[in-house]
């Protein structure tokens, strides 16, 4: 379905973007790479995207992420 396709595209873009930002943070700002940190930031950003109108994300993300 189109909403699911858009949601998957948004989730893929969001995840890639957040990993890229985390990588840059680790390299240039000497931050410690942590899975917990990146997952937490991805969840927070997904909620912001969903609140801003990315309705496809609401379709594909788990309800436990509280983006609904």
PDB file of N, CA and C in Angstrom:
ATOM      1  N   UNK A   1       0.824  -1.212   0.000  1.00  0.00           N
ATOM      2  CA  UNK A   1       0.000   0.000   0.000  1.00  0.00           C
ATOM      3  C   UNK A   1       0.860   1.265   0.000  1.00  0.00           C
ATOM      4  N   UNK A   2       0.381   2.315  -0.601  1.00  0.00           N
ATOM      5  CA  UNK A   2       1.177   3.553  -0.714  1.00  0.00           C
ATOM      6  C   UNK A   2       1.628   4.136   0.628  1.00  0.00           C
ATOM      7  N   UNK A   3       0.753   4.144   1.644  1.00  0.00           N
ATOM      8  CA  UNK A   3       1.167   4.708   2.939  1.00  0.00           C
ATOM      9  C   UNK A   3       2.299   3.906   3.560  1.00  0.00           C
ATOM     10  N   UNK A   4       2.227   2.593   3.411  1.00  0.00           N
ATOM     11  CA  UNK A   4       3.284   1.750   3.969  1.00  0.00           C
ATOM     12  C   UNK A   4       4.594   1.969   3.213  1.00  0.00           C
ATOM     13  N   UNK A   5       4.499   2.129   1.898  1.00  0.00           N
ATOM     14  CA  UNK A   5       5.695   2.377   1.087  1.00  0.00           C
ATOM     15  C   UNK A   5       6.337   3.701   1.489  1.00  0.00           C
ATOM     16  N   UNK A   6       5.504   4.738   1.673  1.00  0.00           N
ATOM     17  CA  UNK A   6       6.026   6.037   2.097  1.00  0.00           C
ATOM     18  C   UNK A   6       6.621   5.953   3.503  1.00  0.00           C
ATOM     19  N   UNK A   7       5.971   5.193   4.362  1.00  0.00           N
ATOM     20  CA  UNK A   7       6.471   5.035   5.726  1.00  0.00           C
ATOM     21  C   UNK A   7       7.814   4.337   5.769  1.00  0.00           C
ATOM     22  N   UNK A   8       7.961   3.285   4.974  1.00  0.00           N
ATOM     23  CA  UNK A   8       9.239   2.577   4.916  1.00  0.00           C
ATOM     24  C   UNK A   8      10.335   3.457   4.333  1.00  0.00           C
ATOM     25  N   UNK A   9       9.983   4.238   3.327  1.00  0.00           N
ATOM     26  CA  UNK A   9      10.966   5.162   2.746  1.00  0.00           C
ATOM     27  C   UNK A   9      11.387   6.205   3.784  1.00  0.00           C
ATOM     28  N   UNK A  10      10.427   6.735   4.528  1.00  0.00           N
ATOM     29  CA  UNK A  10      10.742   7.720   5.568  1.00  0.00           C
ATOM     30  C   UNK A  10      11.599   7.112   6.669  1.00  0.00           C
ATOM     31  N   UNK A  11      11.252   5.899   7.099  1.00  0.00           N
ATOM     32  CA  UNK A  11      12.015   5.238   8.163  1.00  0.00           C
ATOM     33  C   UNK A  11      13.444   4.948   7.709  1.00  0.00           C
ATOM     34  N   UNK A  12      13.591   4.542   6.459  1.00  0.00           N
ATOM     35  CA  UNK A  12      14.927   4.271   5.918  1.00  0.00           C
ATOM     36  C   UNK A  12      15.760   5.544   5.868  1.00  0.00           C
ATOM     37  N   UNK A  13      15.165   6.619   5.370  1.00  0.00           N
ATOM     38  CA  UNK A  13      15.863   7.895   5.289  1.00  0.00           C
ATOM     39  C   UNK A  13      16.220   8.411   6.682  1.00  0.00           C
ATOM     40  N   UNK A  14      15.266   8.341   7.589  1.00  0.00           N
ATOM     41  CA  UNK A  14      15.488   8.808   8.951  1.00  0.00           C
ATOM     42  C   UNK A  14      16.610   8.035   9.624  1.00  0.00           C
ATOM     43  N   UNK A  15      16.577   6.719   9.524  1.00  0.00           N
ATOM     44  CA  UNK A  15      17.594   5.886  10.165  1.00  0.00           C
ATOM     45  C   UNK A  15      18.980   6.147   9.581  1.00  0.00           C
ATOM     46  N   UNK A  16      19.047   6.220   8.254  1.00  0.00           N
ATOM     47  CA  UNK A  16      20.342   6.499   7.605  1.00  0.00           C
ATOM     48  C   UNK A  16      20.885   7.854   8.028  1.00  0.00           C
ATOM     49  N   UNK A  17      20.018   8.843   8.065  1.00  0.00           N
ATOM     50  CA  UNK A  17      20.429  10.206   8.432  1.00  0.00           C
ATOM     51  C   UNK A  17      20.930  10.256   9.874  1.00  0.00           C
ATOM     52  N   UNK A  18      20.236   9.582  10.775  1.00  0.00           N
ATOM     53  CA  UNK A  18      20.635   9.606  12.170  1.00  0.00           C
ATOM     54  C   UNK A  18      21.938   8.835  12.398  1.00  0.00           C
ATOM     55  N   UNK A  19      22.139   7.741  11.676  1.00  0.00           N
ATOM     56  CA  UNK A  19      23.413   7.011  11.775  1.00  0.00           C
ATOM     57  C   UNK A  19      24.555   7.881  11.256  1.00  0.00           C
ATOM     58  N   UNK A  20      24.313   8.582  10.152  1.00  0.00           N
ATOM     59  CA  UNK A  20      25.332   9.483   9.595  1.00  0.00           C
ATOM     60  C   UNK A  20      25.692  10.580  10.603  1.00  0.00           C
ATOM     61  N   UNK A  21      24.681  11.184  11.222  1.00  0.00           N
ATOM     62  CA  UNK A  21      24.938  12.238  12.207  1.00  0.00           C
ATOM     63  C   UNK A  21      25.688  11.688  13.419  1.00  0.00           C
ATOM     64  N   UNK A  22      25.334  10.497  13.859  1.00  0.00           N
ATOM     65  CA  UNK A  22      26.010   9.880  15.002  1.00  0.00           C
ATOM     66  C   UNK A  22      27.468   9.573  14.660  1.00  0.00           C
ATOM     67  N   UNK A  23      27.681   9.084  13.447  1.00  0.00           N
ATOM     68  CA  UNK A  23      29.042   8.801  12.984  1.00  0.00           C
ATOM     69  C   UNK A  23      29.880  10.083  12.989  1.00  0.00           C
ATOM     70  N   UNK A  24      29.324  11.157  12.435  1.00  0.00           N
ATOM     71  CA  UNK A  24      30.046  12.433  12.417  1.00  0.00           C
ATOM     72  C   UNK A  24      30.337  12.926  13.822  1.00  0.00           C
ATOM     73  N   UNK A  25      29.373  12.753  14.711  1.00  0.00           N
ATOM     74  CA  UNK A  25      29.564  13.139  16.101  1.00  0.00           C
ATOM     75  C   UNK A  25      30.731  12.375  16.723  1.00  0.00           C
ATOM     76  N   UNK A  26      30.799  11.095  16.440  1.00  0.00           N
ATOM     77  CA  UNK A  26      31.876  10.269  16.994  1.00  0.00           C
ATOM     78  C   UNK A  26      33.231  10.651  16.417  1.00  0.00           C
ATOM     79  N   UNK A  27      33.270  10.949  15.140  1.00  0.00           N
ATOM     80  CA  UNK A  27      34.540  11.266  14.490  1.00  0.00           C
ATOM     81  C   UNK A  27      35.016  12.673  14.823  1.00  0.00           C
ATOM     82  N   UNK A  28      34.138  13.654  14.657  1.00  0.00           N
ATOM     83  CA  UNK A  28      34.569  15.047  14.781  1.00  0.00           C
ATOM     84  C   UNK A  28      34.464  15.603  16.193  1.00  0.00           C
ATOM     85  N   UNK A  29      33.527  15.094  16.992  1.00  0.00           N
ATOM     86  CA  UNK A  29      33.359  15.602  18.347  1.00  0.00           C
ATOM     87  C   UNK A  29      33.827  14.612  19.405  1.00  0.00           C
ATOM     88  N   UNK A  30      34.409  13.497  18.937  1.00  0.00           N
ATOM     89  CA  UNK A  30      34.942  12.459  19.820  1.00  0.00           C
ATOM     90  C   UNK A  30      33.900  11.904  20.796  1.00  0.00           C
ATOM     91  N   UNK A  31      32.658  11.827  20.340  1.00  0.00           N
ATOM     92  CA  UNK A  31      31.603  11.219  21.155  1.00  0.00           C
ATOM     93  C   UNK A  31      31.800   9.708  21.173  1.00  0.00           C
ATOM     94  N   UNK A  32      31.305   9.070  22.199  1.00  0.00           N
ATOM     95  CA  UNK A  32      31.394   7.621  22.307  1.00  0.00           C
ATOM     96  C   UNK A  32      30.259   6.978  21.509  1.00  0.00           C
ATOM     97  N   UNK A  33      30.581   6.043  20.627  1.00  0.00           N
ATOM     98  CA  UNK A  33      29.513   5.379  19.875  1.00  0.00           C
ATOM     99  C   UNK A  33      28.756   4.398  20.774  1.00  0.00           C
ATOM    100  N   UNK A  34      27.450   4.589  20.874  1.00  0.00           N
ATOM    101  CA  UNK A  34      26.630   3.686  21.669  1.00  0.00           C
ATOM    102  C   UNK A  34      25.347   3.368  20.912  1.00  0.00           C
ATOM    103  N   UNK A  35      24.971   2.113  20.954  1.00  0.00           N
ATOM    104  CA  UNK A  35      23.734   1.690  20.307  1.00  0.00           C
ATOM    105  C   UNK A  35      22.537   2.320  21.004  1.00  0.00           C
ATOM    106  N   UNK A  36      22.558   2.340  22.322  1.00  0.00           N
ATOM    107  CA  UNK A  36      21.434   2.908  23.074  1.00  0.00           C
ATOM    108  C   UNK A  36      21.188   4.363  22.676  1.00  0.00           C
ATOM    109  N   UNK A  37      22.245   5.121  22.539  1.00  0.00           N
ATOM    110  CA  UNK A  37      22.142   6.534  22.179  1.00  0.00           C
ATOM    111  C   UNK A  37      21.529   6.707  20.794  1.00  0.00           C
ATOM    112  N   UNK A  38      22.015   5.970  19.812  1.00  0.00           N
ATOM    113  CA  UNK A  38      21.523   6.141  18.448  1.00  0.00           C
ATOM    114  C   UNK A  38      20.070   5.679  18.328  1.00  0.00           C
ATOM    115  N   UNK A  39      19.724   4.586  18.995  1.00  0.00           N
ATOM    116  CA  UNK A  39      18.331   4.103  18.940  1.00  0.00           C
ATOM    117  C   UNK A  39      17.400   5.109  19.604  1.00  0.00           C
ATOM    118  N   UNK A  40      17.820   5.650  20.719  1.00  0.00           N
ATOM    119  CA  UNK A  40      17.015   6.652  21.414  1.00  0.00           C
ATOM    120  C   UNK A  40      16.796   7.886  20.542  1.00  0.00           C
ATOM    121  N   UNK A  41      17.845   8.333  19.878  1.00  0.00           N
ATOM    122  CA  UNK A  41      17.725   9.508  19.009  1.00  0.00           C
ATOM    123  C   UNK A  41      16.840   9.238  17.790  1.00  0.00           C
ATOM    124  N   UNK A  42      16.933   8.035  17.252  1.00  0.00           N
ATOM    125  CA  UNK A  42      16.088   7.672  16.112  1.00  0.00           C
ATOM    126  C   UNK A  42      14.620   7.682  16.540  1.00  0.00           C
ATOM    127  N   UNK A  43      14.329   7.129  17.713  1.00  0.00           N
ATOM    128  CA  UNK A  43      12.952   7.122  18.212  1.00  0.00           C
ATOM    129  C   UNK A  43      12.429   8.541  18.429  1.00  0.00           C
ATOM    130  N   UNK A  44      13.261   9.389  19.034  1.00  0.00           N
ATOM    131  CA  UNK A  44      12.856  10.771  19.273  1.00  0.00           C
ATOM    132  C   UNK A  44      12.590  11.499  17.958  1.00  0.00           C
ATOM    133  N   UNK A  45      13.481  11.301  17.009  1.00  0.00           N
ATOM    134  CA  UNK A  45      13.336  11.976  15.712  1.00  0.00           C
ATOM    135  C   UNK A  45      12.118  11.439  14.958  1.00  0.00           C
ATOM    136  N   UNK A  46      11.857  10.140  15.062  1.00  0.00           N
ATOM    137  CA  UNK A  46      10.683   9.556  14.410  1.00  0.00           C
ATOM    138  C   UNK A  46       9.406  10.170  14.967  1.00  0.00           C
ATOM    139  N   UNK A  47       9.377  10.387  16.276  1.00  0.00           N
ATOM    140  CA  UNK A  47       8.203  11.030  16.879  1.00  0.00           C
ATOM    141  C   UNK A  47       8.033  12.445  16.349  1.00  0.00           C
ATOM    142  N   UNK A  48       9.124  13.182  16.230  1.00  0.00           N
ATOM    143  CA  UNK A  48       9.045  14.540  15.691  1.00  0.00           C
ATOM    144  C   UNK A  48       8.545  14.532  14.250  1.00  0.00           C
ATOM    145  N   UNK A  49       9.065  13.612  13.442  1.00  0.00           N
ATOM    146  CA  UNK A  49       8.634  13.510  12.049  1.00  0.00           C
ATOM    147  C   UNK A  49       7.148  13.176  11.969  1.00  0.00           C
ATOM    148  N   UNK A  50       6.712  12.230  12.815  1.00  0.00           N
ATOM    149  CA  UNK A  50       5.301  11.832  12.813  1.00  0.00           C
ATOM    150  C   UNK A  50       4.417  13.004  13.246  1.00  0.00           C
ATOM    151  N   UNK A  51       4.846  13.749  14.258  1.00  0.00           N
ATOM    152  CA  UNK A  51       4.093  14.912  14.710  1.00  0.00           C
ATOM    153  C   UNK A  51       4.040  16.000  13.639  1.00  0.00           C
ATOM    154  N   UNK A  52       5.088  16.068  12.817  1.00  0.00           N
ATOM    155  CA  UNK A  52       5.151  17.077  11.757  1.00  0.00           C
ATOM    156  C   UNK A  52       4.349  16.681  10.527  1.00  0.00           C
ATOM    157  N   UNK A  53       3.812  15.456  10.515  1.00  0.00           N
ATOM    158  CA  UNK A  53       2.957  15.077   9.403  1.00  0.00           C
ATOM    159  C   UNK A  53       3.398  13.882   8.590  1.00  0.00           C
ATOM    160  N   UNK A  54       4.433  13.205   8.984  1.00  0.00           N
ATOM    161  CA  UNK A  54       4.873  12.001   8.262  1.00  0.00           C
ATOM    162  C   UNK A  54       3.968  10.838   8.665  1.00  0.00           C
ATOM    163  N   UNK A  55       2.775  10.816   8.098  1.00  0.00           N
ATOM    164  CA  UNK A  55       1.774   9.824   8.505  1.00  0.00           C
ATOM    165  C   UNK A  55       2.190   8.403   8.179  1.00  0.00           C
ATOM    166  N   UNK A  56       3.018   8.223   7.164  1.00  0.00           N
ATOM    167  CA  UNK A  56       3.488   6.884   6.819  1.00  0.00           C
ATOM    168  C   UNK A  56       4.287   6.250   7.936  1.00  0.00           C
ATOM    169  N   UNK A  57       4.997   7.070   8.712  1.00  0.00           N
ATOM    170  CA  UNK A  57       5.767   6.533   9.835  1.00  0.00           C
ATOM    171  C   UNK A  57       4.845   5.908  10.872  1.00  0.00           C
ATOM    172  N   UNK A  58       3.678   6.477  11.047  1.00  0.00           N
ATOM    173  CA  UNK A  58       2.724   5.929  12.021  1.00  0.00           C
ATOM    174  C   UNK A  58       2.250   4.543  11.607  1.00  0.00           C
ATOM    175  N   UNK A  59       2.289   4.265  10.326  1.00  0.00           N
ATOM    176  CA  UNK A  59       1.840   2.971   9.814  1.00  0.00           C
ATOM    177  C   UNK A  59       2.897   1.896  10.053  1.00  0.00           C
ATOM    178  N   UNK A  60       4.163   2.231   9.889  1.00  0.00           N
ATOM    179  CA  UNK A  60       5.212   1.206   9.922  1.00  0.00           C
ATOM    180  C   UNK A  60       5.935   1.066  11.267  1.00  0.00           C
ATOM    181  N   UNK A  61       5.886   2.067  12.121  1.00  0.00           N
ATOM    182  CA  UNK A  61       6.605   1.989  13.383  1.00  0.00           C
ATOM    183  C   UNK A  61       5.780   1.280  14.446  1.00  0.00           C
ATOM    184  N   UNK A  62       6.436   0.573  15.346  1.00  0.00           N
ATOM    185  CA  UNK A  62       5.708  -0.109  16.420  1.00  0.00           C
ATOM    186  C   UNK A  62       4.955   0.862  17.322  1.00  0.00           C
ATOM    187  N   UNK A  63       3.818   0.439  17.799  1.00  0.00           N
ATOM    188  CA  UNK A  63       3.023   1.282  18.689  1.00  0.00           C
ATOM    189  C   UNK A  63       3.755   1.576  19.999  1.00  0.00           C
ATOM    190  N   UNK A  64       4.677   0.712  20.384  1.00  0.00           N
ATOM    191  CA  UNK A  64       5.411   0.905  21.626  1.00  0.00           C
ATOM    192  C   UNK A  64       6.381   2.070  21.554  1.00  0.00           C
ATOM    193  N   UNK A  65       6.625   2.588  20.343  1.00  0.00           N
ATOM    194  CA  UNK A  65       7.502   3.746  20.205  1.00  0.00           C
ATOM    195  C   UNK A  65       6.761   5.032  20.526  1.00  0.00           C
ATOM    196  N   UNK A  66       5.452   4.933  20.742  1.00  0.00           N
ATOM    197  CA  UNK A  66       4.637   6.073  21.131  1.00  0.00           C
ATOM    198  C   UNK A  66       4.685   7.214  20.112  1.00  0.00           C
ATOM    199  N   UNK A  67       4.531   6.884  18.839  1.00  0.00           N
ATOM    200  CA  UNK A  67       4.451   7.924  17.811  1.00  0.00           C
ATOM    201  C   UNK A  67       3.023   8.062  17.300  1.00  0.00           C
ATOM    202  N   UNK A  68       2.091   7.353  17.913  1.00  0.00           N
ATOM    203  CA  UNK A  68       0.705   7.385  17.436  1.00  0.00           C
ATOM    204  C   UNK A  68      -0.064   8.435  18.129  1.00  0.00           C
TER     205      UNK A  68
END
